[in-house]
Protein backbone atom coordinates (compact mmCIF):
# COMPACT_ATOMS: atom_id res chain seq x y z
CA MET A 1 10.66 -34.68 -75.41
CA PRO A 2 10.18 -34.31 -71.64
CA ARG A 3 12.94 -35.56 -69.37
CA PRO A 4 12.23 -38.69 -67.32
CA PRO A 5 10.02 -38.09 -64.27
CA LEU A 6 11.27 -38.31 -60.73
CA LEU A 7 10.39 -41.97 -60.26
CA SER A 8 10.86 -44.56 -62.96
CA ARG A 9 7.81 -46.56 -63.98
CA ARG A 10 9.53 -49.74 -62.86
CA ARG A 11 10.15 -48.36 -59.37
CA VAL A 12 6.60 -47.13 -59.10
CA LEU A 13 5.13 -50.45 -60.16
CA GLN A 14 7.28 -52.21 -57.59
CA ALA A 15 5.82 -50.09 -54.82
CA VAL A 16 3.85 -51.98 -52.24
CA PRO A 17 0.79 -50.26 -50.77
CA ALA A 18 1.20 -51.87 -47.35
CA LEU A 19 1.51 -49.36 -44.54
CA ALA A 20 2.29 -50.16 -40.93
CA GLY A 21 -0.26 -49.06 -38.41
CA GLY A 22 -2.83 -48.54 -41.13
CA GLY A 23 -5.80 -48.95 -38.84
CA LEU A 24 -4.81 -46.44 -36.17
CA ALA A 25 -7.26 -43.74 -35.17
CA LEU A 26 -7.02 -41.30 -32.29
CA PRO A 27 -10.39 -39.64 -31.69
CA GLY A 28 -9.69 -37.77 -28.44
CA TRP A 29 -7.19 -40.13 -26.81
CA ALA A 30 -6.19 -39.57 -23.20
CA GLN A 31 -2.87 -37.86 -22.50
CA THR A 32 -1.91 -40.82 -20.33
CA ALA A 33 -2.24 -43.27 -23.23
CA ALA A 34 0.89 -44.58 -24.93
CA PRO A 35 1.92 -42.32 -27.83
CA VAL A 36 1.09 -43.62 -31.30
CA LYS A 37 4.19 -44.35 -33.37
CA VAL A 38 4.53 -42.61 -36.73
CA ARG A 39 7.43 -43.32 -39.10
CA TYR A 40 8.61 -40.04 -40.59
CA GLU A 41 11.29 -39.24 -43.19
CA GLU A 42 12.69 -35.83 -44.06
CA VAL A 43 14.23 -35.27 -47.47
CA VAL A 44 17.51 -33.85 -46.14
CA ARG A 45 18.83 -32.46 -42.84
CA SER A 46 18.62 -28.69 -43.19
CA VAL A 47 17.88 -25.51 -41.28
CA LEU A 48 15.17 -25.22 -43.93
CA TYR A 49 12.98 -27.31 -41.61
CA VAL A 50 13.28 -25.36 -38.36
CA PRO A 51 9.55 -25.64 -37.48
CA MET A 52 9.70 -29.42 -37.68
CA TYR A 53 12.79 -29.62 -35.49
CA VAL A 54 11.15 -27.34 -32.95
CA ALA A 55 8.07 -29.59 -32.92
CA LEU A 56 10.26 -32.66 -32.38
CA GLY A 57 12.81 -31.20 -29.98
CA GLN A 58 10.35 -29.27 -27.82
CA GLY A 59 8.00 -32.22 -27.43
CA PHE A 60 5.05 -30.82 -29.38
CA PHE A 61 4.33 -34.17 -31.01
CA LYS A 62 4.62 -36.13 -27.76
CA GLU A 63 2.29 -33.73 -26.00
CA ALA A 64 -0.22 -34.37 -28.79
CA GLY A 65 0.08 -38.15 -28.44
CA LEU A 66 2.42 -39.00 -31.32
CA ASP A 67 5.78 -40.78 -31.07
CA VAL A 68 7.54 -39.63 -34.24
CA GLY A 69 10.61 -41.56 -35.37
CA MET A 70 12.69 -39.66 -37.94
CA LYS A 71 14.99 -40.73 -40.77
CA THR A 72 16.70 -38.64 -43.45
CA SER A 73 16.08 -39.83 -47.00
CA GLN A 74 18.77 -37.83 -48.85
CA GLY A 75 16.53 -37.04 -51.79
CA THR A 76 12.87 -36.53 -52.65
CA ASP A 77 12.97 -39.59 -54.91
CA LYS A 78 14.13 -41.74 -52.00
CA GLY A 79 11.54 -40.22 -49.68
CA MET A 80 8.75 -40.94 -52.13
CA ALA A 81 10.03 -44.48 -52.60
CA ALA A 82 9.90 -44.98 -48.83
CA LEU A 83 6.30 -43.78 -48.80
CA LEU A 84 5.18 -45.94 -51.72
CA THR A 85 6.84 -49.09 -50.40
CA GLY A 86 5.41 -48.66 -46.92
CA SER A 87 8.61 -48.01 -44.97
CA ALA A 88 7.43 -44.52 -43.99
CA ASP A 89 4.03 -43.16 -42.94
CA VAL A 90 4.68 -39.45 -43.48
CA VAL A 91 7.42 -37.84 -45.56
CA LEU A 92 8.58 -34.25 -45.97
CA ILE A 93 9.39 -33.88 -49.67
CA GLY A 94 8.88 -31.59 -52.63
CA PRO A 95 5.31 -31.45 -54.05
CA GLU A 96 6.62 -32.18 -57.54
CA ALA A 97 6.99 -35.85 -56.54
CA SER A 98 3.25 -36.19 -55.98
CA VAL A 99 2.59 -34.71 -59.43
CA TYR A 100 4.87 -37.27 -61.05
CA VAL A 101 3.36 -40.23 -59.21
CA ALA A 102 -0.18 -39.03 -59.96
CA ASN A 103 0.71 -39.45 -63.64
CA SER A 104 2.26 -42.89 -63.10
CA GLU A 105 0.75 -46.37 -62.99
CA SER A 106 1.40 -46.71 -59.27
CA PRO A 107 -1.61 -48.19 -57.44
CA VAL A 108 -0.51 -46.19 -54.38
CA LYS A 109 -1.16 -42.46 -54.65
CA PRO A 110 0.47 -39.83 -52.43
CA ARG A 111 -1.48 -36.93 -51.00
CA ILE A 112 -0.08 -33.66 -49.71
CA PHE A 113 -1.86 -32.75 -46.46
CA ALA A 114 0.20 -29.89 -44.97
CA GLY A 115 2.93 -27.46 -46.01
CA LEU A 116 6.08 -26.35 -44.17
CA THR A 117 8.21 -24.06 -46.36
CA ALA A 118 6.84 -21.18 -48.40
CA THR A 119 9.57 -21.12 -51.03
CA ASP A 120 13.03 -22.39 -52.02
CA GLY A 121 15.74 -22.14 -49.37
CA PHE A 122 18.72 -22.66 -51.67
CA LEU A 123 21.38 -19.98 -51.95
CA LEU A 124 23.33 -19.42 -55.15
CA MET A 125 27.02 -19.40 -54.21
CA SER A 126 30.20 -18.41 -56.01
CA ARG A 127 33.84 -19.34 -55.49
CA SER A 128 34.85 -15.75 -54.73
CA LYS A 129 33.21 -12.69 -53.23
CA ILE A 130 31.19 -10.66 -55.73
CA GLU A 131 30.30 -7.20 -54.50
CA LYS A 132 27.65 -6.50 -57.13
CA PHE A 133 26.31 -9.79 -58.40
CA ASP A 134 24.43 -9.86 -61.68
CA TRP A 135 22.85 -13.03 -63.01
CA SER A 136 24.47 -12.43 -66.41
CA LEU A 137 27.73 -13.54 -64.76
CA LEU A 138 26.41 -17.11 -65.04
CA LYS A 139 26.58 -17.07 -68.83
CA GLY A 140 29.00 -19.69 -70.09
CA LYS A 141 29.56 -21.02 -66.56
CA THR A 142 28.85 -24.36 -64.90
CA VAL A 143 26.37 -24.35 -62.01
CA MET A 144 25.99 -27.30 -59.63
CA ALA A 145 22.26 -27.98 -59.41
CA PHE A 146 20.29 -31.13 -58.53
CA ARG A 147 18.67 -34.08 -60.26
CA PRO A 148 16.59 -33.04 -63.32
CA GLY A 149 12.94 -32.73 -62.34
CA SER A 150 13.64 -32.17 -58.64
CA ASN A 151 12.42 -28.97 -56.99
CA PRO A 152 15.93 -27.53 -56.48
CA ASP A 153 16.62 -27.90 -60.20
CA VAL A 154 13.17 -26.68 -61.28
CA PHE A 155 13.23 -23.60 -59.01
CA LEU A 156 16.77 -22.74 -60.12
CA GLU A 157 15.71 -22.90 -63.75
CA ALA A 158 12.70 -20.70 -62.97
CA ALA A 159 14.98 -18.09 -61.38
CA LEU A 160 17.32 -18.22 -64.38
CA ARG A 161 14.47 -17.69 -66.81
CA LYS A 162 13.17 -14.80 -64.72
CA LYS A 163 16.60 -13.19 -65.05
CA GLY A 164 16.62 -13.61 -68.83
CA LEU A 165 18.84 -16.69 -69.00
CA ASP A 166 18.09 -19.88 -70.90
CA PRO A 167 18.99 -22.80 -68.59
CA LYS A 168 19.51 -25.06 -71.61
CA LYS A 169 21.72 -22.76 -73.68
CA ASP A 170 23.33 -19.99 -71.64
CA LEU A 171 25.05 -22.12 -69.01
CA LYS A 172 25.67 -25.72 -68.00
CA LEU A 173 23.79 -27.23 -65.08
CA VAL A 174 25.63 -30.03 -63.30
CA ASN A 175 22.89 -32.26 -61.89
CA ASN A 176 24.39 -35.72 -61.54
CA ILE A 177 25.84 -35.36 -58.02
CA GLY A 178 23.95 -36.84 -55.06
CA PRO A 179 22.90 -34.61 -52.13
CA ALA A 180 25.43 -36.06 -49.69
CA ALA A 181 28.32 -35.64 -52.15
CA ARG A 182 27.69 -32.08 -53.30
CA ALA A 183 29.79 -30.18 -50.73
CA GLY A 184 32.72 -32.51 -51.31
CA ALA A 185 32.43 -32.15 -55.08
CA TRP A 186 32.38 -28.36 -54.72
CA THR A 187 35.46 -28.23 -52.50
CA ALA A 188 37.19 -30.56 -54.97
CA GLY A 189 36.75 -27.90 -57.64
CA GLN A 190 33.65 -28.91 -59.56
CA ALA A 191 31.52 -26.09 -61.06
CA ASP A 192 31.86 -22.29 -61.04
CA PHE A 193 28.68 -21.66 -59.06
CA ALA A 194 26.42 -23.90 -56.98
CA ILE A 195 23.24 -23.89 -54.94
CA PHE A 196 23.41 -24.92 -51.27
CA LEU A 197 21.03 -25.10 -48.33
CA GLU A 198 21.84 -24.23 -44.74
CA PRO A 199 23.84 -25.52 -42.90
CA GLU A 200 26.17 -26.30 -45.82
CA ALA A 201 26.07 -22.70 -47.07
CA THR A 202 27.27 -21.28 -43.75
CA ALA A 203 29.90 -24.01 -43.33
CA LEU A 204 31.34 -23.27 -46.78
CA GLU A 205 31.32 -19.52 -46.12
CA LYS A 206 33.06 -20.00 -42.78
CA ALA A 207 35.77 -22.01 -44.51
CA GLY A 208 36.15 -19.36 -47.20
CA GLN A 209 35.20 -21.90 -49.88
CA ALA A 210 31.96 -20.30 -51.14
CA PHE A 211 30.09 -17.01 -50.92
CA ALA A 212 26.32 -16.47 -51.14
CA VAL A 213 25.36 -14.11 -53.97
CA ALA A 214 21.59 -14.66 -54.36
CA SER A 215 18.53 -16.39 -52.92
CA ILE A 216 16.60 -18.65 -55.29
CA GLY A 217 13.45 -18.36 -53.19
CA ARG A 218 13.55 -14.58 -53.20
CA GLU A 219 13.74 -14.59 -57.00
CA VAL A 220 11.01 -17.19 -57.58
CA GLY A 221 8.61 -15.95 -54.91
CA PRO A 222 6.15 -17.88 -52.72
CA VAL A 223 5.54 -21.39 -54.06
CA ASP A 224 5.31 -24.25 -51.55
CA TYR A 225 8.68 -26.00 -51.59
CA THR A 226 8.45 -28.86 -49.09
CA VAL A 227 5.24 -30.49 -47.91
CA PHE A 228 4.08 -33.28 -45.62
CA THR A 229 2.85 -36.16 -47.70
CA ALA A 230 1.20 -39.51 -46.95
CA THR A 231 -0.61 -42.08 -49.05
CA ASP A 232 -4.32 -41.77 -49.70
CA ALA A 233 -4.82 -45.07 -47.87
CA PHE A 234 -2.98 -43.85 -44.75
CA LEU A 235 -4.98 -40.63 -44.58
CA LYS A 236 -8.29 -42.46 -44.97
CA LYS A 237 -7.45 -44.94 -42.22
CA ASN A 238 -5.76 -42.44 -39.90
CA PRO A 239 -7.52 -39.07 -40.11
CA ALA A 240 -6.86 -38.34 -36.42
CA ILE A 241 -3.11 -38.74 -36.92
CA ALA A 242 -3.16 -36.41 -39.93
CA GLN A 243 -5.21 -33.81 -38.05
CA THR A 244 -2.96 -34.00 -35.01
CA TRP A 245 0.09 -33.63 -37.28
CA ALA A 246 -1.37 -30.51 -38.89
CA ASN A 247 -2.25 -29.08 -35.48
CA VAL A 248 1.31 -29.58 -34.24
CA ILE A 249 2.74 -27.95 -37.35
CA VAL A 250 0.53 -24.86 -36.84
CA ARG A 251 1.80 -24.59 -33.27
CA ALA A 252 5.41 -24.88 -34.45
CA GLN A 253 4.90 -22.36 -37.26
CA LYS A 254 3.49 -19.79 -34.85
CA HIS A 255 6.35 -20.40 -32.43
CA VAL A 256 8.98 -19.95 -35.16
CA ALA A 257 7.30 -16.78 -36.41
CA SER A 258 7.58 -15.06 -33.02
CA ALA A 259 10.55 -16.59 -31.19
CA PRO A 260 13.96 -14.85 -31.24
CA ALA A 261 16.50 -16.51 -33.54
CA ALA A 262 18.78 -17.21 -30.57
CA ASP A 263 16.03 -19.18 -28.83
CA LEU A 264 15.27 -21.17 -31.98
CA ALA A 265 18.96 -21.92 -32.44
CA ARG A 266 19.15 -23.44 -28.96
CA GLN A 267 15.96 -25.41 -29.51
CA ILE A 268 17.19 -27.08 -32.72
CA ALA A 269 20.88 -27.41 -31.79
CA GLU A 270 20.61 -31.16 -31.17
CA PHE A 271 19.79 -31.68 -34.86
CA PHE A 272 22.94 -29.82 -35.99
CA PRO A 273 25.81 -30.97 -33.78
CA GLY A 274 28.37 -29.57 -36.24
CA MET A 275 27.08 -25.99 -36.05
CA GLY A 276 27.77 -23.48 -33.32
CA GLN A 277 25.14 -21.21 -31.77
CA ALA A 278 26.26 -18.15 -33.75
CA GLU A 279 26.17 -20.06 -37.04
CA LEU A 280 22.67 -21.38 -36.37
CA VAL A 281 21.43 -17.91 -35.46
CA ALA A 282 22.88 -16.50 -38.69
CA ALA A 283 21.29 -19.26 -40.78
CA ILE A 284 17.88 -18.79 -39.12
CA GLU A 285 17.99 -15.02 -39.61
CA ARG A 286 18.99 -15.45 -43.24
CA TYR A 287 16.04 -17.75 -43.89
CA ARG A 288 13.64 -15.59 -41.92
CA GLY A 289 14.71 -12.67 -44.09
CA ILE A 290 13.44 -14.34 -47.26
CA GLY A 291 10.12 -15.38 -45.68
CA LEU A 292 11.00 -19.04 -45.91
CA TRP A 293 8.62 -20.55 -43.35
CA LYS A 294 4.89 -20.77 -43.84
CA THR A 295 2.62 -19.38 -41.14
CA SER A 296 -0.19 -21.77 -42.10
CA PRO A 297 0.01 -25.43 -43.20
CA VAL A 298 -2.52 -24.85 -46.00
CA VAL A 299 -1.11 -25.60 -49.48
CA GLU A 300 -2.98 -23.28 -51.81
CA LYS A 301 -4.20 -24.18 -55.29
CA ALA A 302 -2.50 -21.15 -56.86
CA ALA A 303 0.88 -22.30 -55.53
CA MET A 304 0.48 -25.77 -57.03
CA GLU A 305 -0.57 -24.24 -60.34
CA SER A 306 2.59 -22.12 -60.29
CA LEU A 307 4.67 -25.20 -59.50
CA GLN A 308 3.24 -27.08 -62.47
CA ASP A 309 3.89 -24.04 -64.68
CA MET A 310 7.56 -24.34 -63.70
CA LEU A 311 7.60 -28.11 -64.27
CA VAL A 312 6.20 -27.61 -67.78
CA ALA A 313 8.69 -24.81 -68.52
CA SER A 314 11.56 -27.06 -67.40
CA GLY A 315 10.37 -29.83 -69.72
CA VAL A 316 9.73 -32.42 -67.00
CA LEU A 317 5.93 -32.33 -67.25
CA GLU A 318 3.85 -32.33 -70.41
CA SER A 319 1.26 -29.58 -70.45
CA ALA A 320 -1.46 -32.12 -71.22
CA LYS A 321 -0.51 -34.06 -68.07
CA ARG A 322 -1.00 -31.31 -65.52
CA VAL A 323 -2.63 -32.83 -62.44
CA PRO A 324 -5.79 -31.30 -60.92
CA TYR A 325 -5.11 -29.80 -57.49
CA GLU A 326 -7.75 -31.96 -55.81
CA GLN A 327 -6.07 -35.09 -57.14
CA PHE A 328 -2.86 -34.69 -55.13
CA VAL A 329 -3.66 -32.23 -52.31
CA VAL A 330 -5.99 -32.95 -49.38
CA THR A 331 -7.04 -29.68 -47.74
CA GLU A 332 -9.25 -30.73 -44.83
CA PHE A 333 -6.55 -31.30 -42.21
CA ALA A 334 -4.61 -28.08 -42.78
CA ALA A 335 -7.82 -26.06 -43.02
CA LYS A 336 -9.02 -27.35 -39.64
CA ALA A 337 -5.62 -27.12 -37.92
CA LYS A 338 -5.53 -25.16 -34.68
């Protein structure tokens, strides 16, 4: 029996398809015109999203004519809810959410139109230093994961299976702790191992409270992890906004691919007031080392097929309910981005 999907049917049915600014279109606007406001929500605040922070902090969006206001959802489920209820125009969330909603009764359907991260950025961390880590050390242990059906949980389970471990039998996954409470729960003594993103991973290492032993993304390989998503209605009414967004993301991706880590750290520092320059540089270099950031916003069909393979293997998607790629991914904007 599959576990409940990311969004409950009741929440989906309560979603309202109204979207602010639905009729906006920007076919070649003048640079002197007032920027068009776009309401944007990121799933969490993380070094995982360096290209987006560069685009915001360095004025790429403003130069392109968009005034992007940002909120942090603290969870893909919350980000998708914001999209479906019309309180956000564009969200950066995991692609699994769009698969779940495609199978729901929601009259509002999300569409992925550009990708940002090429794989999972979570680091598996232990309570003590382990010189030669082997995944078999997780047998019989508790591992702090995320909500069942969320990408962090699904990718972790995929890595475990790849290493010969049964996520349901060989260890216990703790997945009832909210994103904002995870670091506190860890420092309070919950779980033997845990997965953390940057900047939490570096902060815990600096405090001597956790030690990175493996990269989930390196084990799973390239499968789009976080994507820009809007409703089908928004994209149909605002193709110029979507195209401009994709163009800005390409510019940011190219910048991140070539800029020194020290420069990137300075450019995104305003988004991480609790991290020093050296810590940001270390986090950026760590992520760059696992090939975290995409160099193109195109979300490929093969990646979404691999994602659905993992969802089925984790028991959160029935095989008969796999969603056709064309039903939840719009390719035209990313393909034309320049």
